[in-house]
Amino acid sequence: MLICSYECTWCRDCAENVLRGVCPNCGGELARRPEPSASRLVNDPPSTKRVFNPDCRAARAT
């Protein structure tokens, strides 16, 4: 996953091949999402529900 400074999140495929490393929402650079510290994960675990848009590439390519 890649994110911009406003935390818009994109799959690597779209970020690199469709968006060319630039967020279409804010114009910011897309970078690798940082890993949270282990102590933070204990108190604030990641969601177990994944949100996925199967038309992601198609929607961005038009």
PDB file of N, CA and C in Angstrom:
ATOM      1  N   MET A   1       0.829  -1.172   0.000  1.00  0.00           N
ATOM      2  CA  MET A   1       0.000   0.000   0.000  1.00  0.00           C
ATOM      3  C   MET A   1       0.883   1.249   0.000  1.00  0.00           C
ATOM      4  N   LEU A   2       0.409   2.244  -0.703  1.00  0.00           N
ATOM      5  CA  LEU A   2       1.104   3.527  -0.728  1.00  0.00           C
ATOM      6  C   LEU A   2       0.129   4.609  -0.292  1.00  0.00           C
ATOM      7  N   ILE A   3       0.649   5.627   0.403  1.00  0.00           N
ATOM      8  CA  ILE A   3      -0.193   6.703   0.915  1.00  0.00           C
ATOM      9  C   ILE A   3       0.419   8.059   0.570  1.00  0.00           C
ATOM     10  N   CYS A   4      -0.426   9.086   0.627  1.00  0.00           N
ATOM     11  CA  CYS A   4       0.059  10.459   0.477  1.00  0.00           C
ATOM     12  C   CYS A   4       0.088  11.100   1.864  1.00  0.00           C
ATOM     13  N   SER A   5       0.467  12.348   1.962  1.00  0.00           N
ATOM     14  CA  SER A   5       0.549  13.002   3.265  1.00  0.00           C
ATOM     15  C   SER A   5      -0.819  13.196   3.913  1.00  0.00           C
ATOM     16  N   TYR A   6      -1.892  13.111   3.131  1.00  0.00           N
ATOM     17  CA  TYR A   6      -3.244  13.202   3.681  1.00  0.00           C
ATOM     18  C   TYR A   6      -3.825  11.821   3.961  1.00  0.00           C
ATOM     19  N   GLU A   7      -2.994  10.783   3.797  1.00  0.00           N
ATOM     20  CA  GLU A   7      -3.338   9.390   4.059  1.00  0.00           C
ATOM     21  C   GLU A   7      -4.365   8.793   3.101  1.00  0.00           C
ATOM     22  N   CYS A   8      -4.444   9.328   1.890  1.00  0.00           N
ATOM     23  CA  CYS A   8      -5.181   8.636   0.838  1.00  0.00           C
ATOM     24  C   CYS A   8      -4.374   7.369   0.565  1.00  0.00           C
ATOM     25  N   THR A   9      -5.027   6.233   0.496  1.00  0.00           N
ATOM     26  CA  THR A   9      -4.332   4.958   0.373  1.00  0.00           C
ATOM     27  C   THR A   9      -4.636   4.307  -0.966  1.00  0.00           C
ATOM     28  N   TRP A  10      -3.589   3.785  -1.614  1.00  0.00           N
ATOM     29  CA  TRP A  10      -3.722   3.174  -2.936  1.00  0.00           C
ATOM     30  C   TRP A  10      -2.946   1.872  -2.976  1.00  0.00           C
ATOM     31  N   CYS A  11      -3.421   0.920  -3.754  1.00  0.00           N
ATOM     32  CA  CYS A  11      -2.652  -0.315  -3.946  1.00  0.00           C
ATOM     33  C   CYS A  11      -1.405   0.034  -4.755  1.00  0.00           C
ATOM     34  N   ARG A  12      -0.363  -0.761  -4.571  1.00  0.00           N
ATOM     35  CA  ARG A  12       0.907  -0.487  -5.240  1.00  0.00           C
ATOM     36  C   ARG A  12       0.760  -0.473  -6.763  1.00  0.00           C
ATOM     37  N   ASP A  13      -0.024  -1.394  -7.302  1.00  0.00           N
ATOM     38  CA  ASP A  13      -0.201  -1.478  -8.755  1.00  0.00           C
ATOM     39  C   ASP A  13      -0.769  -0.173  -9.308  1.00  0.00           C
ATOM     40  N   CYS A  14      -1.854   0.318  -8.699  1.00  0.00           N
ATOM     41  CA  CYS A  14      -2.453   1.573  -9.178  1.00  0.00           C
ATOM     42  C   CYS A  14      -1.523   2.757  -8.933  1.00  0.00           C
ATOM     43  N   ALA A  15      -0.929   2.811  -7.755  1.00  0.00           N
ATOM     44  CA  ALA A  15      -0.062   3.936  -7.405  1.00  0.00           C
ATOM     45  C   ALA A  15       1.101   4.073  -8.383  1.00  0.00           C
ATOM     46  N   GLU A  16       1.695   2.953  -8.752  1.00  0.00           N
ATOM     47  CA  GLU A  16       2.861   3.009  -9.630  1.00  0.00           C
ATOM     48  C   GLU A  16       2.502   3.060 -11.108  1.00  0.00           C
ATOM     49  N   ASN A  17       1.544   2.239 -11.542  1.00  0.00           N
ATOM     50  CA  ASN A  17       1.286   2.090 -12.968  1.00  0.00           C
ATOM     51  C   ASN A  17       0.185   2.990 -13.522  1.00  0.00           C
ATOM     52  N   VAL A  18      -0.746   3.385 -12.700  1.00  0.00           N
ATOM     53  CA  VAL A  18      -1.837   4.244 -13.175  1.00  0.00           C
ATOM     54  C   VAL A  18      -1.626   5.690 -12.717  1.00  0.00           C
ATOM     55  N   LEU A  19      -1.341   5.862 -11.437  1.00  0.00           N
ATOM     56  CA  LEU A  19      -1.211   7.214 -10.875  1.00  0.00           C
ATOM     57  C   LEU A  19       0.199   7.778 -11.005  1.00  0.00           C
ATOM     58  N   ARG A  20       1.162   6.922 -11.351  1.00  0.00           N
ATOM     59  CA  ARG A  20       2.556   7.329 -11.540  1.00  0.00           C
ATOM     60  C   ARG A  20       3.138   8.042 -10.318  1.00  0.00           C
ATOM     61  N   GLY A  21       2.753   7.571  -9.103  1.00  0.00           N
ATOM     62  CA  GLY A  21       3.342   8.094  -7.870  1.00  0.00           C
ATOM     63  C   GLY A  21       2.784   9.404  -7.373  1.00  0.00           C
ATOM     64  N   VAL A  22       1.681   9.886  -7.971  1.00  0.00           N
ATOM     65  CA  VAL A  22       1.089  11.164  -7.562  1.00  0.00           C
ATOM     66  C   VAL A  22      -0.367  10.945  -7.163  1.00  0.00           C
ATOM     67  N   CYS A  23      -0.748  11.425  -5.983  1.00  0.00           N
ATOM     68  CA  CYS A  23      -2.123  11.283  -5.510  1.00  0.00           C
ATOM     69  C   CYS A  23      -3.057  12.160  -6.345  1.00  0.00           C
ATOM     70  N   PRO A  24      -4.111  11.591  -6.924  1.00  0.00           N
ATOM     71  CA  PRO A  24      -5.030  12.392  -7.729  1.00  0.00           C
ATOM     72  C   PRO A  24      -5.918  13.292  -6.868  1.00  0.00           C
ATOM     73  N   ASN A  25      -5.994  13.029  -5.571  1.00  0.00           N
ATOM     74  CA  ASN A  25      -6.828  13.849  -4.687  1.00  0.00           C
ATOM     75  C   ASN A  25      -6.140  15.136  -4.259  1.00  0.00           C
ATOM     76  N   CYS A  26      -4.840  15.046  -3.939  1.00  0.00           N
ATOM     77  CA  CYS A  26      -4.161  16.237  -3.400  1.00  0.00           C
ATOM     78  C   CYS A  26      -2.910  16.623  -4.178  1.00  0.00           C
ATOM     79  N   GLY A  27      -2.472  15.765  -5.112  1.00  0.00           N
ATOM     80  CA  GLY A  27      -1.270  16.058  -5.887  1.00  0.00           C
ATOM     81  C   GLY A  27       0.016  15.706  -5.166  1.00  0.00           C
ATOM     82  N   GLY A  28      -0.105  15.095  -3.977  1.00  0.00           N
ATOM     83  CA  GLY A  28       1.079  14.741  -3.204  1.00  0.00           C
ATOM     84  C   GLY A  28       1.749  13.463  -3.681  1.00  0.00           C
ATOM     85  N   GLU A  29       2.977  13.273  -3.239  1.00  0.00           N
ATOM     86  CA  GLU A  29       3.736  12.078  -3.574  1.00  0.00           C
ATOM     87  C   GLU A  29       3.185  10.871  -2.826  1.00  0.00           C
ATOM     88  N   LEU A  30       3.131   9.744  -3.498  1.00  0.00           N
ATOM     89  CA  LEU A  30       2.702   8.500  -2.863  1.00  0.00           C
ATOM     90  C   LEU A  30       3.938   7.760  -2.368  1.00  0.00           C
ATOM     91  N   ALA A  31       3.894   7.349  -1.104  1.00  0.00           N
ATOM     92  CA  ALA A  31       5.035   6.676  -0.485  1.00  0.00           C
ATOM     93  C   ALA A  31       4.561   5.434   0.252  1.00  0.00           C
ATOM     94  N   ARG A  32       5.511   4.552   0.597  1.00  0.00           N
ATOM     95  CA  ARG A  32       5.193   3.332   1.325  1.00  0.00           C
ATOM     96  C   ARG A  32       4.606   3.683   2.683  1.00  0.00           C
ATOM     97  N   ARG A  33       3.551   2.985   3.054  1.00  0.00           N
ATOM     98  CA  ARG A  33       2.915   3.224   4.356  1.00  0.00           C
ATOM     99  C   ARG A  33       3.881   2.789   5.455  1.00  0.00           C
ATOM    100  N   PRO A  34       4.147   3.659   6.438  1.00  0.00           N
ATOM    101  CA  PRO A  34       5.062   3.276   7.515  1.00  0.00           C
ATOM    102  C   PRO A  34       4.446   2.218   8.427  1.00  0.00           C
ATOM    103  N   GLU A  35       5.293   1.379   9.000  1.00  0.00           N
ATOM    104  CA  GLU A  35       4.842   0.345   9.928  1.00  0.00           C
ATOM    105  C   GLU A  35       4.733   0.942  11.325  1.00  0.00           C
ATOM    106  N   PRO A  36       3.602   0.725  12.024  1.00  0.00           N
ATOM    107  CA  PRO A  36       3.490   1.226  13.393  1.00  0.00           C
ATOM    108  C   PRO A  36       4.366   0.417  14.345  1.00  0.00           C
ATOM    109  N   SER A  37       4.732   1.030  15.464  1.00  0.00           N
ATOM    110  CA  SER A  37       5.551   0.329  16.451  1.00  0.00           C
ATOM    111  C   SER A  37       4.753  -0.804  17.087  1.00  0.00           C
ATOM    112  N   ALA A  38       5.456  -1.787  17.604  1.00  0.00           N
ATOM    113  CA  ALA A  38       4.810  -2.950  18.219  1.00  0.00           C
ATOM    114  C   ALA A  38       3.944  -2.531  19.406  1.00  0.00           C
ATOM    115  N   SER A  39       4.398  -1.557  20.191  1.00  0.00           N
ATOM    116  CA  SER A  39       3.611  -1.125  21.351  1.00  0.00           C
ATOM    117  C   SER A  39       2.305  -0.456  20.920  1.00  0.00           C
ATOM    118  N   ARG A  40       2.327   0.230  19.810  1.00  0.00           N
ATOM    119  CA  ARG A  40       1.106   0.863  19.310  1.00  0.00           C
ATOM    120  C   ARG A  40       0.115  -0.190  18.822  1.00  0.00           C
ATOM    121  N   LEU A  41       0.621  -1.237  18.199  1.00  0.00           N
ATOM    122  CA  LEU A  41      -0.254  -2.297  17.696  1.00  0.00           C
ATOM    123  C   LEU A  41      -0.990  -3.018  18.817  1.00  0.00           C
ATOM    124  N   VAL A  42      -0.379  -3.104  19.999  1.00  0.00           N
ATOM    125  CA  VAL A  42      -1.028  -3.757  21.138  1.00  0.00           C
ATOM    126  C   VAL A  42      -2.280  -2.978  21.539  1.00  0.00           C
ATOM    127  N   ASN A  43      -2.172  -1.665  21.604  1.00  0.00           N
ATOM    128  CA  ASN A  43      -3.291  -0.822  22.042  1.00  0.00           C
ATOM    129  C   ASN A  43      -4.246  -0.451  20.915  1.00  0.00           C
ATOM    130  N   ASP A  44      -3.765  -0.484  19.704  1.00  0.00           N
ATOM    131  CA  ASP A  44      -4.575  -0.064  18.560  1.00  0.00           C
ATOM    132  C   ASP A  44      -4.335  -1.031  17.397  1.00  0.00           C
ATOM    133  N   PRO A  45      -4.896  -2.243  17.472  1.00  0.00           N
ATOM    134  CA  PRO A  45      -4.626  -3.243  16.434  1.00  0.00           C
ATOM    135  C   PRO A  45      -5.237  -2.849  15.090  1.00  0.00           C
ATOM    136  N   PRO A  46      -4.652  -3.341  14.013  1.00  0.00           N
ATOM    137  CA  PRO A  46      -5.198  -3.038  12.692  1.00  0.00           C
ATOM    138  C   PRO A  46      -6.564  -3.687  12.490  1.00  0.00           C
ATOM    139  N   SER A  47      -7.330  -3.126  11.610  1.00  0.00           N
ATOM    140  CA  SER A  47      -8.644  -3.673  11.295  1.00  0.00           C
ATOM    141  C   SER A  47      -8.502  -5.044  10.647  1.00  0.00           C
ATOM    142  N   THR A  48      -9.452  -5.898  10.897  1.00  0.00           N
ATOM    143  CA  THR A  48      -9.452  -7.209  10.247  1.00  0.00           C
ATOM    144  C   THR A  48     -10.337  -7.194   9.003  1.00  0.00           C
ATOM    145  N   LYS A  49     -11.022  -6.081   8.776  1.00  0.00           N
ATOM    146  CA  LYS A  49     -11.891  -5.953   7.617  1.00  0.00           C
ATOM    147  C   LYS A  49     -11.157  -5.201   6.513  1.00  0.00           C
ATOM    148  N   ARG A  50     -10.986  -5.842   5.365  1.00  0.00           N
ATOM    149  CA  ARG A  50     -10.315  -5.220   4.229  1.00  0.00           C
ATOM    150  C   ARG A  50     -11.371  -4.627   3.300  1.00  0.00           C
ATOM    151  N   VAL A  51     -11.154  -3.407   2.866  1.00  0.00           N
ATOM    152  CA  VAL A  51     -12.039  -2.750   1.909  1.00  0.00           C
ATOM    153  C   VAL A  51     -11.321  -2.767   0.570  1.00  0.00           C
ATOM    154  N   PHE A  52     -11.965  -3.356  -0.424  1.00  0.00           N
ATOM    155  CA  PHE A  52     -11.325  -3.512  -1.728  1.00  0.00           C
ATOM    156  C   PHE A  52     -12.297  -3.136  -2.830  1.00  0.00           C
ATOM    157  N   ASN A  53     -11.829  -2.352  -3.762  1.00  0.00           N
ATOM    158  CA  ASN A  53     -12.617  -1.966  -4.927  1.00  0.00           C
ATOM    159  C   ASN A  53     -12.071  -2.729  -6.130  1.00  0.00           C
ATOM    160  N   PRO A  54     -12.777  -3.760  -6.605  1.00  0.00           N
ATOM    161  CA  PRO A  54     -12.256  -4.556  -7.720  1.00  0.00           C
ATOM    162  C   PRO A  54     -12.111  -3.767  -9.019  1.00  0.00           C
ATOM    163  N   ASP A  55     -12.750  -2.636  -9.119  1.00  0.00           N
ATOM    164  CA  ASP A  55     -12.661  -1.812 -10.323  1.00  0.00           C
ATOM    165  C   ASP A  55     -11.634  -0.702 -10.178  1.00  0.00           C
ATOM    166  N   CYS A  56     -10.775  -0.790  -9.203  1.00  0.00           N
ATOM    167  CA  CYS A  56      -9.812   0.257  -8.904  1.00  0.00           C
ATOM    168  C   CYS A  56      -9.039   0.711 -10.136  1.00  0.00           C
ATOM    169  N   ARG A  57      -8.370  -0.176 -10.812  1.00  0.00           N
ATOM    170  CA  ARG A  57      -7.573   0.206 -11.992  1.00  0.00           C
ATOM    171  C   ARG A  57      -8.449   0.776 -13.095  1.00  0.00           C
ATOM    172  N   ALA A  58      -9.594   0.156 -13.339  1.00  0.00           N
ATOM    173  CA  ALA A  58     -10.483   0.605 -14.416  1.00  0.00           C
ATOM    174  C   ALA A  58     -10.983   2.020 -14.145  1.00  0.00           C
ATOM    175  N   ALA A  59     -11.328   2.298 -12.908  1.00  0.00           N
ATOM    176  CA  ALA A  59     -11.851   3.629 -12.562  1.00  0.00           C
ATOM    177  C   ALA A  59     -10.796   4.702 -12.719  1.00  0.00           C
ATOM    178  N   ARG A  60      -9.545   4.405 -12.414  1.00  0.00           N
ATOM    179  CA  ARG A  60      -8.477   5.394 -12.482  1.00  0.00           C
ATOM    180  C   ARG A  60      -7.913   5.557 -13.894  1.00  0.00           C
ATOM    181  N   ALA A  61      -8.082   4.553 -14.731  1.00  0.00           N
ATOM    182  CA  ALA A  61      -7.486   4.597 -16.074  1.00  0.00           C
ATOM    183  C   ALA A  61      -8.303   5.441 -17.049  1.00  0.00           C
ATOM    184  N   THR A  62      -9.552   5.754 -16.710  1.00  0.00           N
ATOM    185  CA  THR A  62     -10.369   6.516 -17.639  1.00  0.00           C
ATOM    186  C   THR A  62     -10.125   7.992 -17.543  1.00  0.00           C
TER     187      THR A  62
END
